[in-house]
Amino acid sequence: MGGVGVHMRFATTLAWSLGLSLTIAPPAAAQERAATTGRSIASLAGVPLKTRGGKPITLGSRIAPGKPTLISIWASWCPPCIVEAPYLNKMRKDLAGRYNFLYVNRSDGNPDPSQPAEAIARFLDRGGLADSDYVVADVKAYQQIVAADLKDIPDGKVGIPRVYLFDSQGRQIYTAYGFQPSEAPALEARLKLAMAK
């Protein structure tokens, strides 16, 4: 699995650097099972994160009760995340204040050598999210957020982008891995339905 991940990352990076249009890398077999649902946002409240400025916080401190919550996990080197960002930004602006939006940068170090500050700034600017109040999850926090999605994956790494949607009562109702533009309307419809309940 580790070798496959290295080859996929190299192929993705190569394709992106050559300017090819790449929207999603195929998920590993263990990630193709049914989406994880049913857990409570309260089970993630204590996950330690950092603000974009480096201040320690918990995930729960970013959750206003009584609203649906959309958690999106990304990294600046991830081509599908780059494609996804403008769609998340549109929802963030169109539905502002009606749901909790947690934009989580998966960091592999402090600092993360694969995500220098200028790469993150470029990523956010390109997606229209330069003003977003994103948070940072280290490897351990990331693993806590993805939780059951780590099952049966030997190296404990799952692909990104990942989206988790919780309803206004805090129950997880949807999970997605990867992104294609054709999926954006369905995600927005799910979010609006969760806001209506």
N, C-alpha and C. Protein backbone atom coordinates (compact mmCIF):
# COMPACT_ATOMS: atom_id res chain seq x y z
N MET A 1 0.83 -1.21 0.00
CA MET A 1 0.00 0.00 0.00
C MET A 1 0.86 1.25 0.00
N GLY A 2 1.97 1.22 0.80
CA GLY A 2 2.85 2.38 0.85
C GLY A 2 3.43 2.71 -0.50
N GLY A 3 3.89 1.66 -1.24
CA GLY A 3 4.44 1.86 -2.56
C GLY A 3 3.42 2.43 -3.52
N VAL A 4 2.19 1.95 -3.42
CA VAL A 4 1.11 2.44 -4.29
C VAL A 4 0.87 3.92 -4.02
N GLY A 5 0.85 4.28 -2.72
CA GLY A 5 0.63 5.69 -2.36
C GLY A 5 1.72 6.59 -2.91
N VAL A 6 2.99 6.14 -2.84
CA VAL A 6 4.10 6.93 -3.36
C VAL A 6 3.95 7.11 -4.86
N HIS A 7 3.62 6.01 -5.56
CA HIS A 7 3.46 6.08 -7.01
C HIS A 7 2.28 6.97 -7.39
N MET A 8 1.17 6.88 -6.65
CA MET A 8 0.00 7.72 -6.94
C MET A 8 0.35 9.19 -6.72
N ARG A 9 1.07 9.49 -5.64
CA ARG A 9 1.43 10.88 -5.35
C ARG A 9 2.36 11.42 -6.43
N PHE A 10 3.34 10.58 -6.87
CA PHE A 10 4.25 11.00 -7.92
C PHE A 10 3.48 11.24 -9.21
N ALA A 11 2.58 10.31 -9.57
CA ALA A 11 1.82 10.45 -10.82
C ALA A 11 0.93 11.69 -10.77
N THR A 12 0.31 11.92 -9.61
CA THR A 12 -0.55 13.08 -9.45
C THR A 12 0.25 14.37 -9.58
N THR A 13 1.41 14.41 -8.90
CA THR A 13 2.27 15.59 -8.95
C THR A 13 2.77 15.82 -10.37
N LEU A 14 3.18 14.76 -11.05
CA LEU A 14 3.67 14.88 -12.41
C LEU A 14 2.58 15.40 -13.34
N ALA A 15 1.39 14.81 -13.23
CA ALA A 15 0.27 15.24 -14.08
C ALA A 15 -0.05 16.70 -13.84
N TRP A 16 -0.07 17.10 -12.57
CA TRP A 16 -0.40 18.49 -12.23
C TRP A 16 0.66 19.45 -12.76
N SER A 17 1.94 19.05 -12.60
CA SER A 17 3.01 19.93 -13.05
C SER A 17 3.05 20.04 -14.57
N LEU A 18 2.55 19.04 -15.27
CA LEU A 18 2.48 19.10 -16.72
C LEU A 18 1.24 19.85 -17.21
N GLY A 19 0.41 20.28 -16.27
CA GLY A 19 -0.77 21.06 -16.62
C GLY A 19 -1.93 20.21 -17.08
N LEU A 20 -1.91 18.94 -16.78
CA LEU A 20 -3.02 18.08 -17.18
C LEU A 20 -4.19 18.29 -16.25
N SER A 21 -5.38 18.12 -16.77
CA SER A 21 -6.57 18.25 -15.94
C SER A 21 -6.79 16.96 -15.19
N LEU A 22 -6.63 17.00 -13.87
CA LEU A 22 -6.80 15.82 -13.04
C LEU A 22 -7.73 16.19 -11.91
N THR A 23 -8.84 15.49 -11.79
CA THR A 23 -9.78 15.86 -10.74
C THR A 23 -9.82 14.88 -9.58
N ILE A 24 -9.42 13.64 -9.81
CA ILE A 24 -9.49 12.68 -8.71
C ILE A 24 -8.59 11.49 -8.97
N ALA A 25 -7.91 11.07 -7.93
CA ALA A 25 -7.14 9.84 -8.02
C ALA A 25 -8.02 8.70 -7.54
N PRO A 26 -7.93 7.51 -8.15
CA PRO A 26 -8.80 6.42 -7.73
C PRO A 26 -8.51 6.01 -6.30
N PRO A 27 -9.54 5.75 -5.51
CA PRO A 27 -9.33 5.37 -4.11
C PRO A 27 -8.80 3.95 -4.01
N ALA A 28 -8.08 3.70 -2.92
CA ALA A 28 -7.63 2.34 -2.64
C ALA A 28 -8.83 1.46 -2.35
N ALA A 29 -8.67 0.17 -2.56
CA ALA A 29 -9.80 -0.76 -2.40
C ALA A 29 -10.44 -0.66 -1.03
N ALA A 30 -9.62 -0.48 0.01
CA ALA A 30 -10.17 -0.42 1.37
C ALA A 30 -11.02 0.83 1.58
N GLN A 31 -10.85 1.84 0.71
CA GLN A 31 -11.61 3.08 0.87
C GLN A 31 -12.89 3.07 0.06
N GLU A 32 -13.15 2.02 -0.68
CA GLU A 32 -14.32 1.99 -1.56
C GLU A 32 -15.58 1.47 -0.86
N ARG A 33 -15.45 1.10 0.41
CA ARG A 33 -16.62 0.59 1.11
C ARG A 33 -17.59 1.73 1.42
N ALA A 34 -18.75 1.37 1.93
CA ALA A 34 -19.79 2.36 2.21
C ALA A 34 -19.28 3.44 3.16
N ALA A 35 -19.80 4.62 2.98
CA ALA A 35 -19.38 5.76 3.80
C ALA A 35 -19.71 5.55 5.27
N THR A 36 -18.83 6.06 6.12
CA THR A 36 -19.06 6.00 7.56
C THR A 36 -20.12 7.02 7.94
N THR A 37 -21.14 6.60 8.66
CA THR A 37 -22.15 7.52 9.14
C THR A 37 -22.53 7.13 10.57
N GLY A 38 -23.35 7.97 11.20
CA GLY A 38 -23.90 7.61 12.50
C GLY A 38 -23.17 8.15 13.70
N ARG A 39 -21.91 8.52 13.60
CA ARG A 39 -21.24 9.01 14.80
C ARG A 39 -21.67 10.44 15.10
N SER A 40 -21.35 10.91 16.27
CA SER A 40 -21.76 12.23 16.72
C SER A 40 -20.60 13.21 16.60
N ILE A 41 -20.91 14.45 16.27
CA ILE A 41 -19.90 15.50 16.23
C ILE A 41 -19.29 15.68 17.62
N ALA A 42 -20.06 15.33 18.66
CA ALA A 42 -19.54 15.43 20.03
C ALA A 42 -18.34 14.52 20.24
N SER A 43 -18.28 13.42 19.50
CA SER A 43 -17.15 12.49 19.64
C SER A 43 -15.85 13.10 19.09
N LEU A 44 -15.97 14.18 18.34
CA LEU A 44 -14.79 14.85 17.78
C LEU A 44 -14.46 16.15 18.50
N ALA A 45 -15.28 16.53 19.47
CA ALA A 45 -15.13 17.84 20.12
C ALA A 45 -13.75 18.07 20.70
N GLY A 46 -13.13 17.03 21.24
CA GLY A 46 -11.83 17.19 21.89
C GLY A 46 -10.62 17.06 20.96
N VAL A 47 -10.83 16.84 19.68
CA VAL A 47 -9.71 16.70 18.75
C VAL A 47 -8.88 17.99 18.75
N PRO A 48 -7.57 17.88 19.04
CA PRO A 48 -6.74 19.08 19.10
C PRO A 48 -6.35 19.57 17.71
N LEU A 49 -6.62 20.84 17.45
CA LEU A 49 -6.29 21.48 16.18
C LEU A 49 -5.49 22.74 16.47
N LYS A 50 -5.09 23.42 15.42
CA LYS A 50 -4.46 24.73 15.56
C LYS A 50 -5.14 25.68 14.59
N THR A 51 -5.22 26.94 14.97
CA THR A 51 -5.73 27.96 14.04
C THR A 51 -4.69 28.16 12.96
N ARG A 52 -5.06 28.88 11.93
CA ARG A 52 -4.08 29.15 10.86
C ARG A 52 -2.91 29.96 11.39
N GLY A 53 -3.08 30.63 12.51
CA GLY A 53 -2.00 31.38 13.14
C GLY A 53 -1.18 30.57 14.13
N GLY A 54 -1.56 29.31 14.36
CA GLY A 54 -0.80 28.42 15.24
C GLY A 54 -1.31 28.29 16.65
N LYS A 55 -2.43 28.92 16.99
CA LYS A 55 -2.96 28.83 18.35
C LYS A 55 -3.68 27.49 18.56
N PRO A 56 -3.37 26.77 19.66
CA PRO A 56 -4.05 25.49 19.93
C PRO A 56 -5.53 25.71 20.26
N ILE A 57 -6.39 24.91 19.64
CA ILE A 57 -7.83 24.94 19.90
C ILE A 57 -8.34 23.49 19.83
N THR A 58 -9.60 23.31 20.11
CA THR A 58 -10.22 22.00 19.90
C THR A 58 -11.24 22.13 18.77
N LEU A 59 -11.53 21.01 18.15
CA LEU A 59 -12.51 21.01 17.07
C LEU A 59 -13.86 21.54 17.57
N GLY A 60 -14.24 21.13 18.77
CA GLY A 60 -15.53 21.54 19.32
C GLY A 60 -15.68 23.04 19.48
N SER A 61 -14.57 23.76 19.62
CA SER A 61 -14.64 25.21 19.78
C SER A 61 -15.09 25.90 18.49
N ARG A 62 -15.09 25.19 17.39
CA ARG A 62 -15.49 25.76 16.11
C ARG A 62 -16.89 25.31 15.68
N ILE A 63 -17.61 24.65 16.58
CA ILE A 63 -18.94 24.12 16.25
C ILE A 63 -20.02 24.86 17.02
N ALA A 64 -20.84 25.63 16.31
CA ALA A 64 -22.00 26.28 16.93
C ALA A 64 -23.12 25.25 16.96
N PRO A 65 -23.67 24.95 18.13
CA PRO A 65 -24.74 23.94 18.21
C PRO A 65 -25.99 24.36 17.44
N GLY A 66 -26.73 23.35 17.00
CA GLY A 66 -27.99 23.60 16.30
C GLY A 66 -27.83 23.88 14.82
N LYS A 67 -26.62 23.79 14.30
CA LYS A 67 -26.37 24.00 12.87
C LYS A 67 -25.70 22.75 12.30
N PRO A 68 -25.94 22.45 11.02
CA PRO A 68 -25.19 21.37 10.39
C PRO A 68 -23.71 21.75 10.35
N THR A 69 -22.86 20.75 10.22
CA THR A 69 -21.42 20.97 10.16
C THR A 69 -20.84 20.25 8.96
N LEU A 70 -20.07 20.97 8.17
CA LEU A 70 -19.34 20.39 7.04
C LEU A 70 -17.86 20.48 7.36
N ILE A 71 -17.21 19.31 7.44
CA ILE A 71 -15.77 19.25 7.65
C ILE A 71 -15.14 18.81 6.34
N SER A 72 -14.22 19.61 5.84
CA SER A 72 -13.50 19.27 4.62
C SER A 72 -12.00 19.23 4.93
N ILE A 73 -11.36 18.11 4.58
CA ILE A 73 -9.93 17.93 4.84
C ILE A 73 -9.17 18.07 3.52
N TRP A 74 -8.12 18.88 3.53
CA TRP A 74 -7.38 19.19 2.31
C TRP A 74 -5.90 19.34 2.60
N ALA A 75 -5.12 19.39 1.53
CA ALA A 75 -3.71 19.76 1.58
C ALA A 75 -3.40 20.53 0.31
N SER A 76 -2.45 21.44 0.38
CA SER A 76 -2.17 22.31 -0.76
C SER A 76 -1.57 21.57 -1.95
N TRP A 77 -0.98 20.39 -1.72
CA TRP A 77 -0.37 19.62 -2.80
C TRP A 77 -1.36 18.68 -3.49
N CYS A 78 -2.59 18.66 -3.06
CA CYS A 78 -3.60 17.69 -3.51
C CYS A 78 -4.41 18.25 -4.68
N PRO A 79 -4.20 17.77 -5.92
CA PRO A 79 -4.95 18.29 -7.08
C PRO A 79 -6.46 18.23 -6.94
N PRO A 80 -7.06 17.13 -6.45
CA PRO A 80 -8.53 17.15 -6.29
C PRO A 80 -8.99 18.20 -5.28
N CYS A 81 -8.15 18.49 -4.27
CA CYS A 81 -8.49 19.54 -3.30
C CYS A 81 -8.51 20.90 -3.97
N ILE A 82 -7.59 21.11 -4.92
CA ILE A 82 -7.52 22.37 -5.66
C ILE A 82 -8.79 22.56 -6.49
N VAL A 83 -9.25 21.48 -7.10
CA VAL A 83 -10.47 21.52 -7.91
C VAL A 83 -11.69 21.76 -7.02
N GLU A 84 -11.69 21.15 -5.83
CA GLU A 84 -12.83 21.25 -4.91
C GLU A 84 -12.99 22.63 -4.28
N ALA A 85 -11.87 23.32 -4.02
CA ALA A 85 -11.88 24.55 -3.23
C ALA A 85 -12.86 25.62 -3.73
N PRO A 86 -12.93 25.94 -5.03
CA PRO A 86 -13.88 26.98 -5.46
C PRO A 86 -15.34 26.60 -5.20
N TYR A 87 -15.66 25.33 -5.27
CA TYR A 87 -17.04 24.88 -5.01
C TYR A 87 -17.38 25.04 -3.53
N LEU A 88 -16.42 24.69 -2.65
CA LEU A 88 -16.63 24.89 -1.22
C LEU A 88 -16.75 26.38 -0.91
N ASN A 89 -15.94 27.19 -1.57
CA ASN A 89 -16.00 28.63 -1.36
C ASN A 89 -17.36 29.20 -1.76
N LYS A 90 -17.90 28.73 -2.89
CA LYS A 90 -19.22 29.19 -3.33
C LYS A 90 -20.28 28.85 -2.29
N MET A 91 -20.26 27.62 -1.77
CA MET A 91 -21.23 27.24 -0.73
C MET A 91 -21.02 28.09 0.52
N ARG A 92 -19.77 28.31 0.88
CA ARG A 92 -19.45 29.10 2.07
C ARG A 92 -20.03 30.50 1.95
N LYS A 93 -19.95 31.10 0.78
CA LYS A 93 -20.46 32.45 0.58
C LYS A 93 -21.99 32.46 0.43
N ASP A 94 -22.53 31.51 -0.34
CA ASP A 94 -23.97 31.47 -0.57
C ASP A 94 -24.76 31.12 0.69
N LEU A 95 -24.18 30.29 1.55
CA LEU A 95 -24.90 29.80 2.73
C LEU A 95 -24.27 30.30 4.03
N ALA A 96 -23.59 31.40 3.96
CA ALA A 96 -22.84 31.93 5.10
C ALA A 96 -23.67 32.00 6.37
N GLY A 97 -23.08 31.51 7.45
CA GLY A 97 -23.71 31.59 8.76
C GLY A 97 -24.78 30.55 9.03
N ARG A 98 -25.17 29.79 8.02
CA ARG A 98 -26.24 28.81 8.20
C ARG A 98 -25.72 27.42 8.54
N TYR A 99 -24.40 27.25 8.48
CA TYR A 99 -23.80 25.97 8.86
C TYR A 99 -22.38 26.21 9.35
N ASN A 100 -21.84 25.24 10.07
CA ASN A 100 -20.46 25.30 10.53
C ASN A 100 -19.58 24.75 9.41
N PHE A 101 -18.60 25.53 8.99
CA PHE A 101 -17.67 25.09 7.95
C PHE A 101 -16.28 24.97 8.56
N LEU A 102 -15.79 23.76 8.64
CA LEU A 102 -14.47 23.50 9.20
C LEU A 102 -13.56 23.05 8.07
N TYR A 103 -12.67 23.93 7.64
CA TYR A 103 -11.76 23.65 6.55
C TYR A 103 -10.42 23.25 7.17
N VAL A 104 -10.11 21.95 7.10
CA VAL A 104 -9.01 21.36 7.87
C VAL A 104 -7.82 21.04 6.97
N ASN A 105 -6.72 21.72 7.19
CA ASN A 105 -5.48 21.43 6.46
C ASN A 105 -4.77 20.27 7.15
N ARG A 106 -4.56 19.19 6.41
CA ARG A 106 -3.84 18.03 6.94
C ARG A 106 -2.35 18.32 6.87
N SER A 107 -1.72 18.40 8.03
CA SER A 107 -0.31 18.76 8.11
C SER A 107 0.52 17.55 8.52
N ASP A 108 1.61 17.32 7.81
CA ASP A 108 2.50 16.20 8.12
C ASP A 108 3.74 16.66 8.88
N GLY A 109 3.69 17.80 9.49
CA GLY A 109 4.81 18.28 10.28
C GLY A 109 4.59 19.72 10.69
N ASN A 110 5.47 20.22 11.55
CA ASN A 110 5.35 21.60 12.01
C ASN A 110 6.71 22.29 11.92
N PRO A 111 7.01 22.93 10.80
CA PRO A 111 6.15 23.10 9.62
C PRO A 111 6.12 21.85 8.76
N ASP A 112 5.14 21.77 7.90
CA ASP A 112 5.00 20.65 6.98
C ASP A 112 5.89 20.92 5.76
N PRO A 113 6.92 20.10 5.54
CA PRO A 113 7.84 20.37 4.43
C PRO A 113 7.17 20.29 3.06
N SER A 114 6.07 19.55 2.97
CA SER A 114 5.38 19.44 1.68
C SER A 114 4.38 20.58 1.44
N GLN A 115 4.18 21.43 2.47
CA GLN A 115 3.25 22.55 2.35
C GLN A 115 3.86 23.82 2.91
N PRO A 116 4.83 24.40 2.22
CA PRO A 116 5.37 25.67 2.70
C PRO A 116 4.29 26.74 2.71
N ALA A 117 4.49 27.75 3.52
CA ALA A 117 3.48 28.81 3.69
C ALA A 117 3.04 29.41 2.36
N GLU A 118 3.98 29.60 1.43
CA GLU A 118 3.61 30.20 0.15
C GLU A 118 2.73 29.26 -0.69
N ALA A 119 2.92 27.94 -0.54
CA ALA A 119 2.07 26.98 -1.27
C ALA A 119 0.65 27.00 -0.71
N ILE A 120 0.52 27.10 0.60
CA ILE A 120 -0.80 27.18 1.22
C ILE A 120 -1.50 28.47 0.80
N ALA A 121 -0.76 29.59 0.83
CA ALA A 121 -1.34 30.88 0.44
C ALA A 121 -1.80 30.84 -1.02
N ARG A 122 -1.00 30.25 -1.89
CA ARG A 122 -1.35 30.15 -3.31
C ARG A 122 -2.60 29.28 -3.49
N PHE A 123 -2.65 28.15 -2.76
CA PHE A 123 -3.80 27.25 -2.81
C PHE A 123 -5.08 27.98 -2.40
N LEU A 124 -5.04 28.67 -1.27
CA LEU A 124 -6.22 29.37 -0.76
C LEU A 124 -6.65 30.49 -1.69
N ASP A 125 -5.69 31.23 -2.21
CA ASP A 125 -6.00 32.32 -3.13
C ASP A 125 -6.66 31.79 -4.40
N ARG A 126 -6.12 30.71 -4.93
CA ARG A 126 -6.65 30.11 -6.16
C ARG A 126 -8.09 29.63 -5.97
N GLY A 127 -8.40 29.11 -4.80
CA GLY A 127 -9.75 28.60 -4.53
C GLY A 127 -10.71 29.64 -4.01
N GLY A 128 -10.25 30.89 -3.82
CA GLY A 128 -11.12 31.94 -3.28
C GLY A 128 -11.26 31.88 -1.78
N LEU A 129 -10.40 31.10 -1.12
CA LEU A 129 -10.52 30.87 0.32
C LEU A 129 -9.43 31.57 1.13
N ALA A 130 -8.80 32.59 0.54
CA ALA A 130 -7.73 33.28 1.24
C ALA A 130 -8.19 33.88 2.57
N ASP A 131 -9.48 34.22 2.67
CA ASP A 131 -10.01 34.80 3.90
C ASP A 131 -10.62 33.74 4.82
N SER A 132 -10.49 32.46 4.45
CA SER A 132 -11.11 31.41 5.26
C SER A 132 -10.38 31.25 6.58
N ASP A 133 -11.12 30.90 7.58
CA ASP A 133 -10.57 30.70 8.92
C ASP A 133 -10.26 29.21 9.08
N TYR A 134 -9.36 28.71 8.23
CA TYR A 134 -9.07 27.27 8.25
C TYR A 134 -8.33 26.87 9.52
N VAL A 135 -8.35 25.59 9.80
CA VAL A 135 -7.64 25.04 10.95
C VAL A 135 -6.66 23.99 10.46
N VAL A 136 -5.72 23.61 11.32
CA VAL A 136 -4.68 22.66 10.95
C VAL A 136 -4.76 21.44 11.86
N ALA A 137 -4.70 20.26 11.23
CA ALA A 137 -4.70 19.00 11.97
C ALA A 137 -3.38 18.29 11.71
N ASP A 138 -2.67 17.92 12.78
CA ASP A 138 -1.48 17.10 12.59
C ASP A 138 -1.93 15.67 12.30
N VAL A 139 -0.98 14.77 12.11
CA VAL A 139 -1.31 13.40 11.71
C VAL A 139 -2.24 12.73 12.72
N LYS A 140 -1.95 12.88 14.01
CA LYS A 140 -2.77 12.24 15.04
C LYS A 140 -4.20 12.79 15.03
N ALA A 141 -4.34 14.11 14.93
CA ALA A 141 -5.67 14.73 14.90
C ALA A 141 -6.43 14.32 13.65
N TYR A 142 -5.72 14.28 12.53
CA TYR A 142 -6.32 13.84 11.27
C TYR A 142 -6.87 12.42 11.40
N GLN A 143 -6.09 11.55 12.02
CA GLN A 143 -6.54 10.17 12.20
C GLN A 143 -7.77 10.09 13.11
N GLN A 144 -7.85 10.97 14.10
CA GLN A 144 -9.03 11.00 14.96
C GLN A 144 -10.26 11.44 14.18
N ILE A 145 -10.11 12.41 13.28
CA ILE A 145 -11.25 12.89 12.51
C ILE A 145 -11.74 11.83 11.54
N VAL A 146 -10.82 11.17 10.84
CA VAL A 146 -11.25 10.17 9.85
C VAL A 146 -11.70 8.87 10.52
N ALA A 147 -11.25 8.64 11.73
CA ALA A 147 -11.71 7.55 12.60
C ALA A 147 -11.90 6.22 11.89
N ALA A 148 -13.14 5.77 11.76
CA ALA A 148 -13.45 4.45 11.22
C ALA A 148 -13.00 4.28 9.78
N ASP A 149 -12.77 5.38 9.08
CA ASP A 149 -12.30 5.27 7.70
C ASP A 149 -10.89 4.70 7.63
N LEU A 150 -10.18 4.66 8.78
CA LEU A 150 -8.83 4.09 8.81
C LEU A 150 -8.85 2.56 8.87
N LYS A 151 -9.98 1.98 9.16
CA LYS A 151 -10.09 0.53 9.32
C LYS A 151 -9.60 -0.18 8.05
N ASP A 152 -8.81 -1.21 8.28
CA ASP A 152 -8.31 -2.06 7.19
C ASP A 152 -7.33 -1.36 6.27
N ILE A 153 -6.82 -0.19 6.64
CA ILE A 153 -5.81 0.48 5.82
C ILE A 153 -4.50 0.40 6.59
N PRO A 154 -3.56 -0.46 6.16
CA PRO A 154 -2.38 -0.79 6.95
C PRO A 154 -1.54 0.40 7.41
N ASP A 155 -1.30 1.38 6.55
CA ASP A 155 -0.43 2.48 6.97
C ASP A 155 -1.18 3.62 7.64
N GLY A 156 -2.49 3.44 7.83
CA GLY A 156 -3.28 4.44 8.56
C GLY A 156 -3.50 5.73 7.82
N LYS A 157 -3.34 5.72 6.49
CA LYS A 157 -3.54 6.94 5.71
C LYS A 157 -4.69 6.73 4.74
N VAL A 158 -5.58 7.68 4.70
CA VAL A 158 -6.67 7.66 3.73
C VAL A 158 -6.54 8.89 2.85
N GLY A 159 -7.07 8.79 1.66
CA GLY A 159 -6.92 9.87 0.70
C GLY A 159 -7.72 11.11 1.04
N ILE A 160 -7.34 12.20 0.41
CA ILE A 160 -8.05 13.46 0.53
C ILE A 160 -8.30 13.98 -0.87
N PRO A 161 -9.25 14.88 -1.03
CA PRO A 161 -10.07 15.50 0.02
C PRO A 161 -11.09 14.53 0.59
N ARG A 162 -11.45 14.78 1.83
CA ARG A 162 -12.51 14.04 2.50
C ARG A 162 -13.52 15.06 3.03
N VAL A 163 -14.79 14.72 2.92
CA VAL A 163 -15.85 15.58 3.44
C VAL A 163 -16.70 14.77 4.40
N TYR A 164 -17.00 15.36 5.54
CA TYR A 164 -17.91 14.77 6.52
C TYR A 164 -19.02 15.78 6.77
N LEU A 165 -20.27 15.32 6.68
CA LEU A 165 -21.41 16.19 6.91
C LEU A 165 -22.20 15.68 8.11
N PHE A 166 -22.44 16.58 9.05
CA PHE A 166 -23.22 16.28 10.25
C PHE A 166 -24.49 17.13 10.21
N ASP A 167 -25.60 16.55 10.64
CA ASP A 167 -26.86 17.30 10.64
C ASP A 167 -26.90 18.27 11.82
N SER A 168 -27.99 19.00 11.94
CA SER A 168 -28.08 20.03 12.99
C SER A 168 -28.13 19.45 14.40
N GLN A 169 -28.42 18.15 14.51
CA GLN A 169 -28.37 17.47 15.81
C GLN A 169 -26.99 16.89 16.08
N GLY A 170 -26.07 17.07 15.14
CA GLY A 170 -24.70 16.60 15.34
C GLY A 170 -24.44 15.17 14.92
N ARG A 171 -25.36 14.55 14.17
CA ARG A 171 -25.16 13.17 13.71
C ARG A 171 -24.53 13.17 12.33
N GLN A 172 -23.51 12.34 12.16
CA GLN A 172 -22.87 12.25 10.85
C GLN A 172 -23.81 11.58 9.87
N ILE A 173 -24.08 12.26 8.75
CA ILE A 173 -25.04 11.75 7.78
C ILE A 173 -24.44 11.47 6.41
N TYR A 174 -23.18 11.90 6.20
CA TYR A 174 -22.60 11.72 4.87
C TYR A 174 -21.08 11.81 4.95
N THR A 175 -20.43 11.02 4.11
CA THR A 175 -18.97 11.04 3.96
C THR A 175 -18.64 10.92 2.49
N ALA A 176 -17.63 11.65 2.03
CA ALA A 176 -17.18 11.50 0.65
C ALA A 176 -15.67 11.55 0.60
N TYR A 177 -15.11 10.80 -0.33
CA TYR A 177 -13.67 10.79 -0.57
C TYR A 177 -13.42 11.17 -2.02
N GLY A 178 -12.50 12.10 -2.23
CA GLY A 178 -12.21 12.56 -3.58
C GLY A 178 -13.20 13.63 -3.99
N PHE A 179 -13.01 14.16 -5.19
CA PHE A 179 -13.93 15.19 -5.66
C PHE A 179 -13.91 15.27 -7.18
N GLN A 180 -15.10 15.43 -7.74
CA GLN A 180 -15.28 15.75 -9.14
C GLN A 180 -16.32 16.86 -9.21
N PRO A 181 -16.17 17.82 -10.11
CA PRO A 181 -17.12 18.92 -10.18
C PRO A 181 -18.57 18.49 -10.30
N SER A 182 -18.83 17.37 -10.95
CA SER A 182 -20.21 16.90 -11.09
C SER A 182 -20.85 16.53 -9.76
N GLU A 183 -20.03 16.35 -8.70
CA GLU A 183 -20.55 15.98 -7.38
C GLU A 183 -20.97 17.20 -6.55
N ALA A 184 -20.55 18.39 -6.95
CA ALA A 184 -20.79 19.60 -6.15
C ALA A 184 -22.27 19.87 -5.91
N PRO A 185 -23.15 19.78 -6.93
CA PRO A 185 -24.57 20.05 -6.66
C PRO A 185 -25.18 19.11 -5.63
N ALA A 186 -24.78 17.84 -5.65
CA ALA A 186 -25.33 16.87 -4.70
C ALA A 186 -24.88 17.19 -3.27
N LEU A 187 -23.63 17.61 -3.12
CA LEU A 187 -23.15 17.98 -1.79
C LEU A 187 -23.89 19.21 -1.27
N GLU A 188 -24.08 20.21 -2.13
CA GLU A 188 -24.82 21.41 -1.73
C GLU A 188 -26.26 21.07 -1.38
N ALA A 189 -26.87 20.17 -2.14
CA ALA A 189 -28.26 19.76 -1.85
C ALA A 189 -28.33 19.05 -0.51
N ARG A 190 -27.36 18.20 -0.21
CA ARG A 190 -27.35 17.51 1.10
C ARG A 190 -27.22 18.52 2.24
N LEU A 191 -26.35 19.50 2.04
CA LEU A 191 -26.16 20.53 3.07
C LEU A 191 -27.42 21.34 3.29
N LYS A 192 -28.08 21.73 2.21
CA LYS A 192 -29.32 22.50 2.33
C LYS A 192 -30.42 21.68 2.99
N LEU A 193 -30.48 20.40 2.68
CA LEU A 193 -31.47 19.53 3.32
C LEU A 193 -31.20 19.44 4.81
N ALA A 194 -29.93 19.33 5.19
CA ALA A 194 -29.57 19.28 6.62
C ALA A 194 -29.92 20.58 7.31
N MET A 195 -29.79 21.71 6.62
CA MET A 195 -30.15 23.01 7.22
C MET A 195 -31.64 23.17 7.38
N ALA A 196 -32.40 22.48 6.55
CA ALA A 196 -33.87 22.61 6.59
C ALA A 196 -34.49 21.81 7.72
N LYS A 197 -33.73 20.90 8.30
CA LYS A 197 -34.30 20.03 9.35
C LYS A 197 -34.09 20.60 10.73
